[in-house]
Amino acid sequence: DRVNSFFDEAARHGFITSDEIPEIR
């Protein structure tokens, strides 16, 4: 339930790229 927003925020702050978000997400 919470992991989606975590990855979105990490990408928004530039810690990861959109390509690095797990495919299942």
PDB file of all heavy atoms in Angstrom:
ATOM      1  N   ASP A   1       0.817  -1.216   0.000  1.00  0.00           N
ATOM      2  CA  ASP A   1       0.000   0.000   0.000  1.00  0.00           C
ATOM      3  C   ASP A   1       0.848   1.263   0.000  1.00  0.00           C
ATOM      4  O   ASP A   1       0.441   2.297  -0.530  1.00  0.00           O
ATOM      5  CB  ASP A   1      -0.921   0.014   1.231  1.00  0.00           C
ATOM      6  CG  ASP A   1      -2.018  -1.034   1.132  1.00  0.00           C
ATOM      7  OD1 ASP A   1      -2.286  -1.489   0.003  1.00  0.00           O
ATOM      8  OD2 ASP A   1      -2.590  -1.391   2.179  1.00  0.00           O
ATOM      9  N   ARG A   2       2.049   1.215   0.572  1.00  0.00           N
ATOM     10  CA  ARG A   2       2.863   2.416   0.747  1.00  0.00           C
ATOM     11  C   ARG A   2       4.040   2.529  -0.215  1.00  0.00           C
ATOM     12  O   ARG A   2       4.585   3.614  -0.408  1.00  0.00           O
ATOM     13  CB  ARG A   2       3.396   2.468   2.183  1.00  0.00           C
ATOM     14  CG  ARG A   2       2.315   2.536   3.238  1.00  0.00           C
ATOM     15  CD  ARG A   2       2.912   2.587   4.626  1.00  0.00           C
ATOM     16  NE  ARG A   2       1.877   2.608   5.653  1.00  0.00           N
ATOM     17  CZ  ARG A   2       2.112   2.632   6.956  1.00  0.00           C
ATOM     18  NH1 ARG A   2       3.357   2.670   7.393  1.00  0.00           N
ATOM     19  NH2 ARG A   2       1.112   2.644   7.822  1.00  0.00           N
ATOM     20  N   VAL A   3       4.435   1.430  -0.803  1.00  0.00           N
ATOM     21  CA  VAL A   3       5.660   1.433  -1.584  1.00  0.00           C
ATOM     22  C   VAL A   3       5.550   2.293  -2.833  1.00  0.00           C
ATOM     23  O   VAL A   3       6.530   2.907  -3.271  1.00  0.00           O
ATOM     24  CB  VAL A   3       6.068  -0.008  -1.955  1.00  0.00           C
ATOM     25  CG1 VAL A   3       5.077  -0.615  -2.951  1.00  0.00           C
ATOM     26  CG2 VAL A   3       7.479  -0.037  -2.513  1.00  0.00           C
ATOM     27  N   ASN A   4       4.364   2.383  -3.417  1.00  0.00           N
ATOM     28  CA  ASN A   4       4.200   3.160  -4.641  1.00  0.00           C
ATOM     29  C   ASN A   4       4.586   4.620  -4.442  1.00  0.00           C
ATOM     30  O   ASN A   4       5.335   5.195  -5.234  1.00  0.00           O
ATOM     31  CB  ASN A   4       2.754   3.073  -5.129  1.00  0.00           C
ATOM     32  CG  ASN A   4       2.417   1.686  -5.622  1.00  0.00           C
ATOM     33  OD1 ASN A   4       3.303   0.861  -5.829  1.00  0.00           O
ATOM     34  ND2 ASN A   4       1.137   1.421  -5.812  1.00  0.00           N
ATOM     35  N   SER A   5       4.098   5.229  -3.385  1.00  0.00           N
ATOM     36  CA  SER A   5       4.412   6.636  -3.140  1.00  0.00           C
ATOM     37  C   SER A   5       5.892   6.825  -2.825  1.00  0.00           C
ATOM     38  O   SER A   5       6.473   7.865  -3.151  1.00  0.00           O
ATOM     39  CB  SER A   5       3.558   7.181  -1.991  1.00  0.00           C
ATOM     40  OG  SER A   5       3.803   6.464  -0.800  1.00  0.00           O
ATOM     41  N   PHE A   6       6.509   5.811  -2.209  1.00  0.00           N
ATOM     42  CA  PHE A   6       7.937   5.913  -1.891  1.00  0.00           C
ATOM     43  C   PHE A   6       8.768   5.990  -3.174  1.00  0.00           C
ATOM     44  O   PHE A   6       9.641   6.855  -3.315  1.00  0.00           O
ATOM     45  CB  PHE A   6       8.381   4.719  -1.048  1.00  0.00           C
ATOM     46  CG  PHE A   6       9.851   4.735  -0.722  1.00  0.00           C
ATOM     47  CD1 PHE A   6      10.320   5.416   0.378  1.00  0.00           C
ATOM     48  CD2 PHE A   6      10.767   4.077  -1.534  1.00  0.00           C
ATOM     49  CE1 PHE A   6      11.686   5.453   0.674  1.00  0.00           C
ATOM     50  CE2 PHE A   6      12.124   4.096  -1.238  1.00  0.00           C
ATOM     51  CZ  PHE A   6      12.581   4.791  -0.134  1.00  0.00           C
ATOM     52  N   PHE A   7       8.498   5.093  -4.115  1.00  0.00           N
ATOM     53  CA  PHE A   7       9.252   5.109  -5.369  1.00  0.00           C
ATOM     54  C   PHE A   7       8.966   6.370  -6.170  1.00  0.00           C
ATOM     55  O   PHE A   7       9.870   6.941  -6.793  1.00  0.00           O
ATOM     56  CB  PHE A   7       8.919   3.860  -6.202  1.00  0.00           C
ATOM     57  CG  PHE A   7       9.666   2.631  -5.752  1.00  0.00           C
ATOM     58  CD1 PHE A   7       9.015   1.594  -5.105  1.00  0.00           C
ATOM     59  CD2 PHE A   7      11.023   2.509  -5.970  1.00  0.00           C
ATOM     60  CE1 PHE A   7       9.697   0.468  -4.686  1.00  0.00           C
ATOM     61  CE2 PHE A   7      11.719   1.382  -5.559  1.00  0.00           C
ATOM     62  CZ  PHE A   7      11.058   0.359  -4.915  1.00  0.00           C
ATOM     63  N   ASP A   8       7.727   6.835  -6.139  1.00  0.00           N
ATOM     64  CA  ASP A   8       7.391   8.068  -6.851  1.00  0.00           C
ATOM     65  C   ASP A   8       8.183   9.248  -6.293  1.00  0.00           C
ATOM     66  O   ASP A   8       8.705  10.079  -7.036  1.00  0.00           O
ATOM     67  CB  ASP A   8       5.890   8.358  -6.724  1.00  0.00           C
ATOM     68  CG  ASP A   8       5.045   7.418  -7.577  1.00  0.00           C
ATOM     69  OD1 ASP A   8       5.617   6.800  -8.493  1.00  0.00           O
ATOM     70  OD2 ASP A   8       3.837   7.296  -7.303  1.00  0.00           O
ATOM     71  N   GLU A   9       8.268   9.326  -4.971  1.00  0.00           N
ATOM     72  CA  GLU A   9       8.987  10.440  -4.352  1.00  0.00           C
ATOM     73  C   GLU A   9      10.480  10.333  -4.597  1.00  0.00           C
ATOM     74  O   GLU A   9      11.156  11.352  -4.816  1.00  0.00           O
ATOM     75  CB  GLU A   9       8.701  10.477  -2.847  1.00  0.00           C
ATOM     76  CG  GLU A   9       9.201  11.736  -2.187  1.00  0.00           C
ATOM     77  CD  GLU A   9       8.484  12.046  -0.885  1.00  0.00           C
ATOM     78  OE1 GLU A   9       7.468  11.386  -0.582  1.00  0.00           O
ATOM     79  OE2 GLU A   9       8.945  12.947  -0.187  1.00  0.00           O
ATOM     80  N   ALA A  10      11.013   9.121  -4.567  1.00  0.00           N
ATOM     81  CA  ALA A  10      12.448   8.936  -4.834  1.00  0.00           C
ATOM     82  C   ALA A  10      12.782   9.394  -6.246  1.00  0.00           C
ATOM     83  O   ALA A  10      13.814  10.040  -6.480  1.00  0.00           O
ATOM     84  CB  ALA A  10      12.829   7.470  -4.642  1.00  0.00           C
ATOM     85  N   ALA A  11      11.902   9.096  -7.195  1.00  0.00           N
ATOM     86  CA  ALA A  11      12.124   9.535  -8.575  1.00  0.00           C
ATOM     87  C   ALA A  11      11.959  11.045  -8.698  1.00  0.00           C
ATOM     88  O   ALA A  11      12.721  11.715  -9.403  1.00  0.00           O
ATOM     89  CB  ALA A  11      11.150   8.813  -9.506  1.00  0.00           C
ATOM     90  N   ARG A  12      10.992  11.607  -7.977  1.00  0.00           N
ATOM     91  CA  ARG A  12      10.734  13.048  -8.043  1.00  0.00           C
ATOM     92  C   ARG A  12      11.925  13.845  -7.529  1.00  0.00           C
ATOM     93  O   ARG A  12      12.236  14.930  -8.036  1.00  0.00           O
ATOM     94  CB  ARG A  12       9.472  13.380  -7.251  1.00  0.00           C
ATOM     95  CG  ARG A  12       9.076  14.843  -7.351  1.00  0.00           C
ATOM     96  CD  ARG A  12       7.654  15.091  -6.876  1.00  0.00           C
ATOM     97  NE  ARG A  12       7.463  14.715  -5.479  1.00  0.00           N
ATOM     98  CZ  ARG A  12       6.757  13.663  -5.082  1.00  0.00           C
ATOM     99  NH1 ARG A  12       6.201  12.864  -5.978  1.00  0.00           N
ATOM    100  NH2 ARG A  12       6.612  13.387  -3.807  1.00  0.00           N
ATOM    101  N   HIS A  13      12.596  13.326  -6.500  1.00  0.00           N
ATOM    102  CA  HIS A  13      13.766  14.005  -5.932  1.00  0.00           C
ATOM    103  C   HIS A  13      15.051  13.676  -6.683  1.00  0.00           C
ATOM    104  O   HIS A  13      16.124  14.180  -6.322  1.00  0.00           O
ATOM    105  CB  HIS A  13      13.927  13.635  -4.465  1.00  0.00           C
ATOM    106  CG  HIS A  13      12.913  14.277  -3.561  1.00  0.00           C
ATOM    107  ND1 HIS A  13      12.824  15.633  -3.379  1.00  0.00           N
ATOM    108  CD2 HIS A  13      11.926  13.738  -2.804  1.00  0.00           C
ATOM    109  CE1 HIS A  13      11.843  15.914  -2.539  1.00  0.00           C
ATOM    110  NE2 HIS A  13      11.277  14.781  -2.177  1.00  0.00           N
ATOM    111  N   GLY A  14      14.962  12.828  -7.693  1.00  0.00           N
ATOM    112  CA  GLY A  14      16.137  12.522  -8.499  1.00  0.00           C
ATOM    113  C   GLY A  14      17.061  11.473  -7.916  1.00  0.00           C
ATOM    114  O   GLY A  14      18.199  11.327  -8.382  1.00  0.00           O
ATOM    115  N   PHE A  15      16.608  10.730  -6.920  1.00  0.00           N
ATOM    116  CA  PHE A  15      17.454   9.673  -6.356  1.00  0.00           C
ATOM    117  C   PHE A  15      17.504   8.454  -7.269  1.00  0.00           C
ATOM    118  O   PHE A  15      18.477   7.704  -7.261  1.00  0.00           O
ATOM    119  CB  PHE A  15      16.942   9.261  -4.976  1.00  0.00           C
ATOM    120  CG  PHE A  15      17.015  10.365  -3.956  1.00  0.00           C
ATOM    121  CD1 PHE A  15      15.878  10.831  -3.326  1.00  0.00           C
ATOM    122  CD2 PHE A  15      18.228  10.955  -3.632  1.00  0.00           C
ATOM    123  CE1 PHE A  15      15.933  11.854  -2.400  1.00  0.00           C
ATOM    124  CE2 PHE A  15      18.311  11.975  -2.707  1.00  0.00           C
ATOM    125  CZ  PHE A  15      17.156  12.436  -2.092  1.00  0.00           C
ATOM    126  N   ILE A  16      16.453   8.249  -8.036  1.00  0.00           N
ATOM    127  CA  ILE A  16      16.410   7.168  -9.017  1.00  0.00           C
ATOM    128  C   ILE A  16      15.753   7.709 -10.279  1.00  0.00           C
ATOM    129  O   ILE A  16      15.088   8.743 -10.259  1.00  0.00           O
ATOM    130  CB  ILE A  16      15.618   5.941  -8.510  1.00  0.00           C
ATOM    131  CG1 ILE A  16      14.166   6.334  -8.185  1.00  0.00           C
ATOM    132  CG2 ILE A  16      16.297   5.318  -7.302  1.00  0.00           C
ATOM    133  CD1 ILE A  16      13.281   5.162  -7.808  1.00  0.00           C
ATOM    134  N   THR A  17      15.965   7.000 -11.390  1.00  0.00           N
ATOM    135  CA  THR A  17      15.297   7.355 -12.634  1.00  0.00           C
ATOM    136  C   THR A  17      14.020   6.529 -12.753  1.00  0.00           C
ATOM    137  O   THR A  17      13.827   5.541 -12.029  1.00  0.00           O
ATOM    138  CB  THR A  17      16.207   7.070 -13.837  1.00  0.00           C
ATOM    139  OG1 THR A  17      16.425   5.655 -13.934  1.00  0.00           O
ATOM    140  CG2 THR A  17      17.549   7.780 -13.676  1.00  0.00           C
ATOM    141  N   SER A  18      13.175   6.923 -13.667  1.00  0.00           N
ATOM    142  CA  SER A  18      11.935   6.168 -13.869  1.00  0.00           C
ATOM    143  C   SER A  18      12.233   4.744 -14.326  1.00  0.00           C
ATOM    144  O   SER A  18      11.469   3.818 -14.044  1.00  0.00           O
ATOM    145  CB  SER A  18      11.045   6.882 -14.894  1.00  0.00           C
ATOM    146  OG  SER A  18      11.745   7.058 -16.125  1.00  0.00           O
ATOM    147  N   ASP A  19      13.365   4.569 -15.029  1.00  0.00           N
ATOM    148  CA  ASP A  19      13.732   3.221 -15.481  1.00  0.00           C
ATOM    149  C   ASP A  19      14.157   2.330 -14.323  1.00  0.00           C
ATOM    150  O   ASP A  19      14.135   1.099 -14.450  1.00  0.00           O
ATOM    151  CB  ASP A  19      14.880   3.296 -16.501  1.00  0.00           C
ATOM    152  CG  ASP A  19      14.433   3.936 -17.806  1.00  0.00           C
ATOM    153  OD1 ASP A  19      13.212   3.907 -18.076  1.00  0.00           O
ATOM    154  OD2 ASP A  19      15.292   4.467 -18.530  1.00  0.00           O
ATOM    155  N   GLU A  20      14.571   2.934 -13.219  1.00  0.00           N
ATOM    156  CA  GLU A  20      15.027   2.136 -12.074  1.00  0.00           C
ATOM    157  C   GLU A  20      13.883   1.704 -11.166  1.00  0.00           C
ATOM    158  O   GLU A  20      14.090   0.912 -10.249  1.00  0.00           O
ATOM    159  CB  GLU A  20      16.052   2.944 -11.257  1.00  0.00           C
ATOM    160  CG  GLU A  20      17.380   3.123 -11.968  1.00  0.00           C
ATOM    161  CD  GLU A  20      18.353   3.959 -11.156  1.00  0.00           C
ATOM    162  OE1 GLU A  20      17.981   5.074 -10.766  1.00  0.00           O
ATOM    163  OE2 GLU A  20      19.473   3.493 -10.907  1.00  0.00           O
ATOM    164  N   ILE A  21      12.694   2.226 -11.404  1.00  0.00           N
ATOM    165  CA  ILE A  21      11.541   1.777 -10.626  1.00  0.00           C
ATOM    166  C   ILE A  21      11.250   0.334 -11.011  1.00  0.00           C
ATOM    167  O   ILE A  21      11.185   0.006 -12.191  1.00  0.00           O
ATOM    168  CB  ILE A  21      10.321   2.674 -10.907  1.00  0.00           C
ATOM    169  CG1 ILE A  21      10.605   4.107 -10.460  1.00  0.00           C
ATOM    170  CG2 ILE A  21       9.083   2.127 -10.207  1.00  0.00           C
ATOM    171  CD1 ILE A  21       9.490   5.084 -10.790  1.00  0.00           C
ATOM    172  N   PRO A  22      11.066  -0.543 -10.027  1.00  0.00           N
ATOM    173  CA  PRO A  22      10.804  -1.963 -10.335  1.00  0.00           C
ATOM    174  C   PRO A  22       9.650  -2.124 -11.332  1.00  0.00           C
ATOM    175  O   PRO A  22       8.642  -1.408 -11.244  1.00  0.00           O
ATOM    176  CB  PRO A  22      10.464  -2.555  -8.964  1.00  0.00           C
ATOM    177  CG  PRO A  22      11.185  -1.682  -8.009  1.00  0.00           C
ATOM    178  CD  PRO A  22      11.115  -0.301  -8.585  1.00  0.00           C
ATOM    179  N   GLU A  23       9.819  -3.036 -12.251  1.00  0.00           N
ATOM    180  CA  GLU A  23       8.796  -3.236 -13.289  1.00  0.00           C
ATOM    181  C   GLU A  23       7.441  -3.559 -12.688  1.00  0.00           C
ATOM    182  O   GLU A  23       6.408  -3.123 -13.220  1.00  0.00           O
ATOM    183  CB  GLU A  23       9.242  -4.373 -14.212  1.00  0.00           C
ATOM    184  CG  GLU A  23      10.450  -4.031 -15.065  1.00  0.00           C
ATOM    185  CD  GLU A  23      10.832  -5.165 -15.993  1.00  0.00           C
ATOM    186  OE1 GLU A  23      10.095  -6.179 -15.993  1.00  0.00           O
ATOM    187  OE2 GLU A  23      11.846  -5.044 -16.678  1.00  0.00           O
ATOM    188  N   ILE A  24       7.430  -4.306 -11.623  1.00  0.00           N
ATOM    189  CA  ILE A  24       6.152  -4.679 -11.013  1.00  0.00           C
ATOM    190  C   ILE A  24       5.416  -3.460 -10.474  1.00  0.00           C
ATOM    191  O   ILE A  24       4.194  -3.456 -10.315  1.00  0.00           O
ATOM    192  CB  ILE A  24       6.376  -5.704  -9.880  1.00  0.00           C
ATOM    193  CG1 ILE A  24       5.027  -6.290  -9.452  1.00  0.00           C
ATOM    194  CG2 ILE A  24       7.109  -5.075  -8.701  1.00  0.00           C
ATOM    195  CD1 ILE A  24       5.170  -7.411  -8.455  1.00  0.00           C
ATOM    196  N   ARG A  25       6.165  -2.378 -10.203  1.00  0.00           N
ATOM    197  CA  ARG A  25       5.579  -1.150  -9.687  1.00  0.00           C
ATOM    198  C   ARG A  25       5.036  -0.263 -10.801  1.00  0.00           C
ATOM    199  O   ARG A  25       4.112   0.492 -10.629  1.00  0.00           O
ATOM    200  CB  ARG A  25       6.636  -0.416  -8.843  1.00  0.00           C
ATOM    201  CG  ARG A  25       6.432   1.070  -8.654  1.00  0.00           C
ATOM    202  CD  ARG A  25       5.193   1.378  -7.810  1.00  0.00           C
ATOM    203  NE  ARG A  25       5.007   2.805  -7.752  1.00  0.00           N
ATOM    204  CZ  ARG A  25       4.378   3.543  -8.646  1.00  0.00           C
ATOM    205  NH1 ARG A  25       3.887   2.966  -9.728  1.00  0.00           N
ATOM    206  NH2 ARG A  25       4.244   4.835  -8.497  1.00  0.00           N
TER     207      ARG A  25
END
